[in-house]
PDB file of all heavy atoms in Angstrom:
ATOM      1  N   GLU A   1      -5.861  44.775  39.598  1.00  0.00           N
ATOM      2  CA  GLU A   1      -4.717  45.224  38.768  1.00  0.00           C
ATOM      3  C   GLU A   1      -3.446  44.496  39.172  1.00  0.00           C
ATOM      4  O   GLU A   1      -2.539  44.302  38.301  1.00  0.00           O
ATOM      5  CB  GLU A   1      -4.590  46.748  38.973  1.00  0.00           C
ATOM      6  CG  GLU A   1      -5.755  47.505  38.371  1.00  0.00           C
ATOM      7  CD  GLU A   1      -5.569  48.993  38.520  1.00  0.00           C
ATOM      8  OE1 GLU A   1      -4.538  49.447  39.097  1.00  0.00           O
ATOM      9  OE2 GLU A   1      -6.479  49.808  38.089  1.00  0.00           O
ATOM     10  N   ASP A   2      -3.346  44.162  40.418  1.00  0.00           N
ATOM     11  CA  ASP A   2      -2.144  43.447  40.869  1.00  0.00           C
ATOM     12  C   ASP A   2      -2.111  42.057  40.260  1.00  0.00           C
ATOM     13  O   ASP A   2      -3.032  41.241  40.325  1.00  0.00           O
ATOM     14  CB  ASP A   2      -2.129  43.302  42.410  1.00  0.00           C
ATOM     15  CG  ASP A   2      -0.972  42.527  42.941  1.00  0.00           C
ATOM     16  OD1 ASP A   2       0.142  43.062  43.019  1.00  0.00           O
ATOM     17  OD2 ASP A   2      -1.144  41.319  43.234  1.00  0.00           O
ATOM     18  N   ASP A   3      -0.989  41.742  39.560  1.00  0.00           N
ATOM     19  CA  ASP A   3      -0.917  40.466  38.817  1.00  0.00           C
ATOM     20  C   ASP A   3      -1.077  39.233  39.740  1.00  0.00           C
ATOM     21  O   ASP A   3      -1.770  38.277  39.381  1.00  0.00           O
ATOM     22  CB  ASP A   3       0.446  40.345  38.122  1.00  0.00           C
ATOM     23  CG  ASP A   3       0.521  41.339  36.915  1.00  0.00           C
ATOM     24  OD1 ASP A   3      -0.521  41.805  36.489  1.00  0.00           O
ATOM     25  OD2 ASP A   3       1.649  41.621  36.423  1.00  0.00           O
ATOM     26  N   GLY A   4      -0.419  39.267  40.896  1.00  0.00           N
ATOM     27  CA  GLY A   4      -0.494  38.123  41.815  1.00  0.00           C
ATOM     28  C   GLY A   4      -1.937  37.884  42.305  1.00  0.00           C
ATOM     29  O   GLY A   4      -2.414  36.786  42.366  1.00  0.00           O
ATOM     30  N   ALA A   5      -2.581  38.987  42.657  1.00  0.00           N
ATOM     31  CA  ALA A   5      -3.980  38.886  43.139  1.00  0.00           C
ATOM     32  C   ALA A   5      -4.902  38.408  41.984  1.00  0.00           C
ATOM     33  O   ALA A   5      -5.794  37.564  42.225  1.00  0.00           O
ATOM     34  CB  ALA A   5      -4.471  40.242  43.661  1.00  0.00           C
ATOM     35  N   ARG A   6      -4.667  38.847  40.778  1.00  0.00           N
ATOM     36  CA  ARG A   6      -5.504  38.415  39.675  1.00  0.00           C
ATOM     37  C   ARG A   6      -5.289  36.914  39.397  1.00  0.00           C
ATOM     38  O   ARG A   6      -6.254  36.217  39.109  1.00  0.00           O
ATOM     39  CB  ARG A   6      -5.203  39.225  38.450  1.00  0.00           C
ATOM     40  CG  ARG A   6      -6.202  39.014  37.290  1.00  0.00           C
ATOM     41  CD  ARG A   6      -6.127  40.052  36.214  1.00  0.00           C
ATOM     42  NE  ARG A   6      -4.840  40.102  35.564  1.00  0.00           N
ATOM     43  CZ  ARG A   6      -3.936  41.071  35.790  1.00  0.00           C
ATOM     44  NH1 ARG A   6      -4.198  42.140  36.600  1.00  0.00           N
ATOM     45  NH2 ARG A   6      -2.801  41.079  35.149  1.00  0.00           N
ATOM     46  N   ARG A   7      -4.091  36.427  39.532  1.00  0.00           N
ATOM     47  CA  ARG A   7      -3.825  34.998  39.323  1.00  0.00           C
ATOM     48  C   ARG A   7      -4.518  34.217  40.414  1.00  0.00           C
ATOM     49  O   ARG A   7      -5.104  33.205  40.118  1.00  0.00           O
ATOM     50  CB  ARG A   7      -2.297  34.743  39.344  1.00  0.00           C
ATOM     51  CG  ARG A   7      -1.576  35.058  38.034  1.00  0.00           C
ATOM     52  CD  ARG A   7      -0.213  34.366  38.026  1.00  0.00           C
ATOM     53  NE  ARG A   7       0.628  34.891  39.099  1.00  0.00           N
ATOM     54  CZ  ARG A   7       1.404  35.973  38.999  1.00  0.00           C
ATOM     55  NH1 ARG A   7       1.409  36.661  37.850  1.00  0.00           N
ATOM     56  NH2 ARG A   7       2.153  36.413  39.996  1.00  0.00           N
ATOM     57  N   ARG A   8      -4.426  34.641  41.607  1.00  0.00           N
ATOM     58  CA  ARG A   8      -5.132  33.967  42.698  1.00  0.00           C
ATOM     59  C   ARG A   8      -6.640  33.924  42.497  1.00  0.00           C
ATOM     60  O   ARG A   8      -7.276  32.877  42.714  1.00  0.00           O
ATOM     61  CB  ARG A   8      -4.820  34.600  44.091  1.00  0.00           C
ATOM     62  CG  ARG A   8      -3.428  34.445  44.541  1.00  0.00           C
ATOM     63  CD  ARG A   8      -3.198  35.122  45.884  1.00  0.00           C
ATOM     64  NE  ARG A   8      -4.019  34.498  46.910  1.00  0.00           N
ATOM     65  CZ  ARG A   8      -4.334  35.070  48.092  1.00  0.00           C
ATOM     66  NH1 ARG A   8      -3.935  36.286  48.344  1.00  0.00           N
ATOM     67  NH2 ARG A   8      -5.056  34.421  48.979  1.00  0.00           N
ATOM     68  N   LEU A   9      -7.192  35.034  42.043  1.00  0.00           N
ATOM     69  CA  LEU A   9      -8.615  35.110  41.752  1.00  0.00           C
ATOM     70  C   LEU A   9      -8.969  34.140  40.586  1.00  0.00           C
ATOM     71  O   LEU A   9     -10.034  33.481  40.622  1.00  0.00           O
ATOM     72  CB  LEU A   9      -9.060  36.496  41.458  1.00  0.00           C
ATOM     73  CG  LEU A   9     -10.551  36.753  41.286  1.00  0.00           C
ATOM     74  CD1 LEU A   9     -11.291  36.375  42.554  1.00  0.00           C
ATOM     75  CD2 LEU A   9     -10.853  38.197  40.874  1.00  0.00           C
ATOM     76  N   THR A  10      -8.133  34.104  39.598  1.00  0.00           N
ATOM     77  CA  THR A  10      -8.317  33.251  38.428  1.00  0.00           C
ATOM     78  C   THR A  10      -8.389  31.763  38.878  1.00  0.00           C
ATOM     79  O   THR A  10      -9.282  30.995  38.518  1.00  0.00           O
ATOM     80  CB  THR A  10      -7.225  33.413  37.395  1.00  0.00           C
ATOM     81  OG1 THR A  10      -7.246  34.789  36.934  1.00  0.00           O
ATOM     82  CG2 THR A  10      -7.425  32.434  36.220  1.00  0.00           C
ATOM     83  N   TYR A  11      -7.440  31.367  39.716  1.00  0.00           N
ATOM     84  CA  TYR A  11      -7.348  29.981  40.167  1.00  0.00           C
ATOM     85  C   TYR A  11      -8.602  29.679  41.030  1.00  0.00           C
ATOM     86  O   TYR A  11      -9.162  28.635  40.915  1.00  0.00           O
ATOM     87  CB  TYR A  11      -6.092  29.724  40.965  1.00  0.00           C
ATOM     88  CG  TYR A  11      -4.879  29.815  40.093  1.00  0.00           C
ATOM     89  CD1 TYR A  11      -3.661  30.322  40.665  1.00  0.00           C
ATOM     90  CD2 TYR A  11      -4.824  29.329  38.802  1.00  0.00           C
ATOM     91  CE1 TYR A  11      -2.477  30.468  39.860  1.00  0.00           C
ATOM     92  CE2 TYR A  11      -3.708  29.403  38.030  1.00  0.00           C
ATOM     93  CZ  TYR A  11      -2.536  30.000  38.537  1.00  0.00           C
ATOM     94  OH  TYR A  11      -1.386  30.053  37.759  1.00  0.00           O
ATOM     95  N   TRP A  12      -8.970  30.642  41.877  1.00  0.00           N
ATOM     96  CA  TRP A  12     -10.117  30.443  42.742  1.00  0.00           C
ATOM     97  C   TRP A  12     -11.373  30.221  41.865  1.00  0.00           C
ATOM     98  O   TRP A  12     -12.114  29.283  42.115  1.00  0.00           O
ATOM     99  CB  TRP A  12     -10.368  31.632  43.654  1.00  0.00           C
ATOM    100  CG  TRP A  12     -11.467  31.502  44.613  1.00  0.00           C
ATOM    101  CD1 TRP A  12     -11.529  30.922  45.802  1.00  0.00           C
ATOM    102  CD2 TRP A  12     -12.842  31.899  44.335  1.00  0.00           C
ATOM    103  NE1 TRP A  12     -12.790  30.959  46.377  1.00  0.00           N
ATOM    104  CE2 TRP A  12     -13.646  31.583  45.418  1.00  0.00           C
ATOM    105  CE3 TRP A  12     -13.481  32.561  43.253  1.00  0.00           C
ATOM    106  CZ2 TRP A  12     -15.005  31.859  45.564  1.00  0.00           C
ATOM    107  CZ3 TRP A  12     -14.841  32.819  43.314  1.00  0.00           C
ATOM    108  CH2 TRP A  12     -15.583  32.484  44.448  1.00  0.00           C
ATOM    109  N   TRP A  13     -11.590  31.083  40.915  1.00  0.00           N
ATOM    110  CA  TRP A  13     -12.761  30.988  40.056  1.00  0.00           C
ATOM    111  C   TRP A  13     -12.738  29.672  39.256  1.00  0.00           C
ATOM    112  O   TRP A  13     -13.742  28.992  39.195  1.00  0.00           O
ATOM    113  CB  TRP A  13     -12.768  32.150  39.091  1.00  0.00           C
ATOM    114  CG  TRP A  13     -13.973  32.202  38.173  1.00  0.00           C
ATOM    115  CD1 TRP A  13     -15.148  32.801  38.424  1.00  0.00           C
ATOM    116  CD2 TRP A  13     -14.058  31.583  36.886  1.00  0.00           C
ATOM    117  NE1 TRP A  13     -16.018  32.608  37.362  1.00  0.00           N
ATOM    118  CE2 TRP A  13     -15.378  31.865  36.465  1.00  0.00           C
ATOM    119  CE3 TRP A  13     -13.247  30.794  36.084  1.00  0.00           C
ATOM    120  CZ2 TRP A  13     -15.851  31.374  35.168  1.00  0.00           C
ATOM    121  CZ3 TRP A  13     -13.677  30.366  34.905  1.00  0.00           C
ATOM    122  CH2 TRP A  13     -14.976  30.637  34.437  1.00  0.00           C
ATOM    123  N   ARG A  14     -11.585  29.290  38.722  1.00  0.00           N
ATOM    124  CA  ARG A  14     -11.480  28.068  37.875  1.00  0.00           C
ATOM    125  C   ARG A  14     -11.811  26.849  38.720  1.00  0.00           C
ATOM    126  O   ARG A  14     -12.476  25.930  38.260  1.00  0.00           O
ATOM    127  CB  ARG A  14     -10.057  27.972  37.307  1.00  0.00           C
ATOM    128  CG  ARG A  14      -9.919  26.767  36.389  1.00  0.00           C
ATOM    129  CD  ARG A  14      -8.505  26.698  35.896  1.00  0.00           C
ATOM    130  NE  ARG A  14      -7.491  26.556  36.916  1.00  0.00           N
ATOM    131  CZ  ARG A  14      -6.224  26.736  36.737  1.00  0.00           C
ATOM    132  NH1 ARG A  14      -5.687  27.010  35.584  1.00  0.00           N
ATOM    133  NH2 ARG A  14      -5.392  26.604  37.771  1.00  0.00           N
ATOM    134  N   ASP A  15     -11.335  26.808  39.951  1.00  0.00           N
ATOM    135  CA  ASP A  15     -11.537  25.623  40.806  1.00  0.00           C
ATOM    136  C   ASP A  15     -13.014  25.415  41.072  1.00  0.00           C
ATOM    137  O   ASP A  15     -13.434  24.294  41.331  1.00  0.00           O
ATOM    138  CB  ASP A  15     -10.787  25.795  42.168  1.00  0.00           C
ATOM    139  CG  ASP A  15      -9.318  25.589  41.976  1.00  0.00           C
ATOM    140  OD1 ASP A  15      -8.889  25.075  40.908  1.00  0.00           O
ATOM    141  OD2 ASP A  15      -8.570  26.001  42.843  1.00  0.00           O
ATOM    142  N   ARG A  16     -13.832  26.494  41.020  1.00  0.00           N
ATOM    143  CA  ARG A  16     -15.189  26.397  41.428  1.00  0.00           C
ATOM    144  C   ARG A  16     -16.196  26.536  40.319  1.00  0.00           C
ATOM    145  O   ARG A  16     -17.339  26.079  40.449  1.00  0.00           O
ATOM    146  CB  ARG A  16     -15.482  27.527  42.472  1.00  0.00           C
ATOM    147  CG  ARG A  16     -14.825  27.226  43.837  1.00  0.00           C
ATOM    148  CD  ARG A  16     -14.633  28.474  44.651  1.00  0.00           C
ATOM    149  NE  ARG A  16     -13.964  28.180  45.854  1.00  0.00           N
ATOM    150  CZ  ARG A  16     -12.651  27.997  45.973  1.00  0.00           C
ATOM    151  NH1 ARG A  16     -11.870  28.060  44.948  1.00  0.00           N
ATOM    152  NH2 ARG A  16     -12.121  27.750  47.183  1.00  0.00           N
ATOM    153  N   ALA A  17     -15.791  27.065  39.190  1.00  0.00           N
ATOM    154  CA  ALA A  17     -16.790  27.381  38.138  1.00  0.00           C
ATOM    155  C   ALA A  17     -16.531  26.642  36.824  1.00  0.00           C
ATOM    156  O   ALA A  17     -17.486  26.342  36.117  1.00  0.00           O
ATOM    157  CB  ALA A  17     -16.788  28.882  37.911  1.00  0.00           C
ATOM    158  N   ALA A  18     -15.288  26.374  36.506  1.00  0.00           N
ATOM    159  CA  ALA A  18     -15.084  25.779  35.154  1.00  0.00           C
ATOM    160  C   ALA A  18     -13.639  25.259  35.078  1.00  0.00           C
ATOM    161  O   ALA A  18     -12.835  25.576  35.898  1.00  0.00           O
ATOM    162  CB  ALA A  18     -15.234  26.877  34.113  1.00  0.00           C
ATOM    163  N   PRO A  19     -13.376  24.439  34.027  1.00  0.00           N
ATOM    164  CA  PRO A  19     -11.984  23.907  33.866  1.00  0.00           C
ATOM    165  C   PRO A  19     -10.973  25.030  33.667  1.00  0.00           C
ATOM    166  O   PRO A  19      -9.822  24.874  34.071  1.00  0.00           O
ATOM    167  CB  PRO A  19     -12.130  23.050  32.616  1.00  0.00           C
ATOM    168  CG  PRO A  19     -13.546  22.706  32.461  1.00  0.00           C
ATOM    169  CD  PRO A  19     -14.272  23.894  33.013  1.00  0.00           C
ATOM    170  N   ARG A  20     -11.379  26.158  33.159  1.00  0.00           N
ATOM    171  CA  ARG A  20     -10.434  27.195  32.889  1.00  0.00           C
ATOM    172  C   ARG A  20     -11.196  28.539  32.922  1.00  0.00           C
ATOM    173  O   ARG A  20     -12.405  28.587  32.644  1.00  0.00           O
ATOM    174  CB  ARG A  20      -9.615  27.104  31.627  1.00  0.00           C
ATOM    175  CG  ARG A  20     -10.509  26.996  30.395  1.00  0.00           C
ATOM    176  CD  ARG A  20      -9.703  26.733  29.161  1.00  0.00           C
ATOM    177  NE  ARG A  20     -10.548  26.527  27.933  1.00  0.00           N
ATOM    178  CZ  ARG A  20     -11.076  27.523  27.257  1.00  0.00           C
ATOM    179  NH1 ARG A  20     -10.824  28.789  27.613  1.00  0.00           N
ATOM    180  NH2 ARG A  20     -11.807  27.291  26.212  1.00  0.00           N
ATOM    181  N   PRO A  21     -10.529  29.665  33.193  1.00  0.00           N
ATOM    182  CA  PRO A  21     -11.198  30.973  33.137  1.00  0.00           C
ATOM    183  C   PRO A  21     -11.651  31.276  31.755  1.00  0.00           C
ATOM    184  O   PRO A  21     -11.200  30.680  30.801  1.00  0.00           O
ATOM    185  CB  PRO A  21     -10.050  31.904  33.577  1.00  0.00           C
ATOM    186  CG  PRO A  21      -9.031  31.084  34.252  1.00  0.00           C
ATOM    187  CD  PRO A  21      -9.110  29.731  33.597  1.00  0.00           C
ATOM    188  N   PRO A  22     -12.614  32.208  31.604  1.00  0.00           N
ATOM    189  CA  PRO A  22     -13.132  32.524  30.281  1.00  0.00           C
ATOM    190  C   PRO A  22     -12.023  33.066  29.372  1.00  0.00           C
ATOM    191  O   PRO A  22     -11.207  33.880  29.785  1.00  0.00           O
ATOM    192  CB  PRO A  22     -14.180  33.575  30.558  1.00  0.00           C
ATOM    193  CG  PRO A  22     -13.857  34.130  31.890  1.00  0.00           C
ATOM    194  CD  PRO A  22     -13.245  32.994  32.676  1.00  0.00           C
ATOM    195  N   GLY A  23     -12.007  32.606  28.130  1.00  0.00           N
ATOM    196  CA  GLY A  23     -11.054  33.157  27.140  1.00  0.00           C
ATOM    197  C   GLY A  23     -11.414  34.516  26.672  1.00  0.00           C
ATOM    198  O   GLY A  23     -12.453  35.079  26.990  1.00  0.00           O
ATOM    199  N   ARG A  24     -10.565  35.049  25.811  1.00  0.00           N
ATOM    200  CA  ARG A  24     -10.786  36.418  25.325  1.00  0.00           C
ATOM    201  C   ARG A  24     -12.109  36.606  24.622  1.00  0.00           C
ATOM    202  O   ARG A  24     -12.865  37.519  24.871  1.00  0.00           O
ATOM    203  CB  ARG A  24      -9.618  36.843  24.399  1.00  0.00           C
ATOM    204  CG  ARG A  24      -9.853  38.232  23.803  1.00  0.00           C
ATOM    205  CD  ARG A  24      -8.609  38.607  22.941  1.00  0.00           C
ATOM    206  NE  ARG A  24      -8.872  39.863  22.246  1.00  0.00           N
ATOM    207  CZ  ARG A  24      -8.797  41.087  22.785  1.00  0.00           C
ATOM    208  NH1 ARG A  24      -8.510  41.193  24.083  1.00  0.00           N
ATOM    209  NH2 ARG A  24      -9.031  42.178  22.079  1.00  0.00           N
ATOM    210  N   ALA A  25     -12.428  35.682  23.680  1.00  0.00           N
ATOM    211  CA  ALA A  25     -13.664  35.771  22.976  1.00  0.00           C
ATOM    212  C   ALA A  25     -14.871  35.676  23.879  1.00  0.00           C
ATOM    213  O   ALA A  25     -15.821  36.439  23.761  1.00  0.00           O
ATOM    214  CB  ALA A  25     -13.780  34.645  21.941  1.00  0.00           C
TER     215      ALA A  25
END
């Protein structure tokens, strides 16, 4: 829920799994 933590998790995931986090669809 914390915006900062979610951004950090997004960047972590993106660096290891895909060019960008999954979109809404």
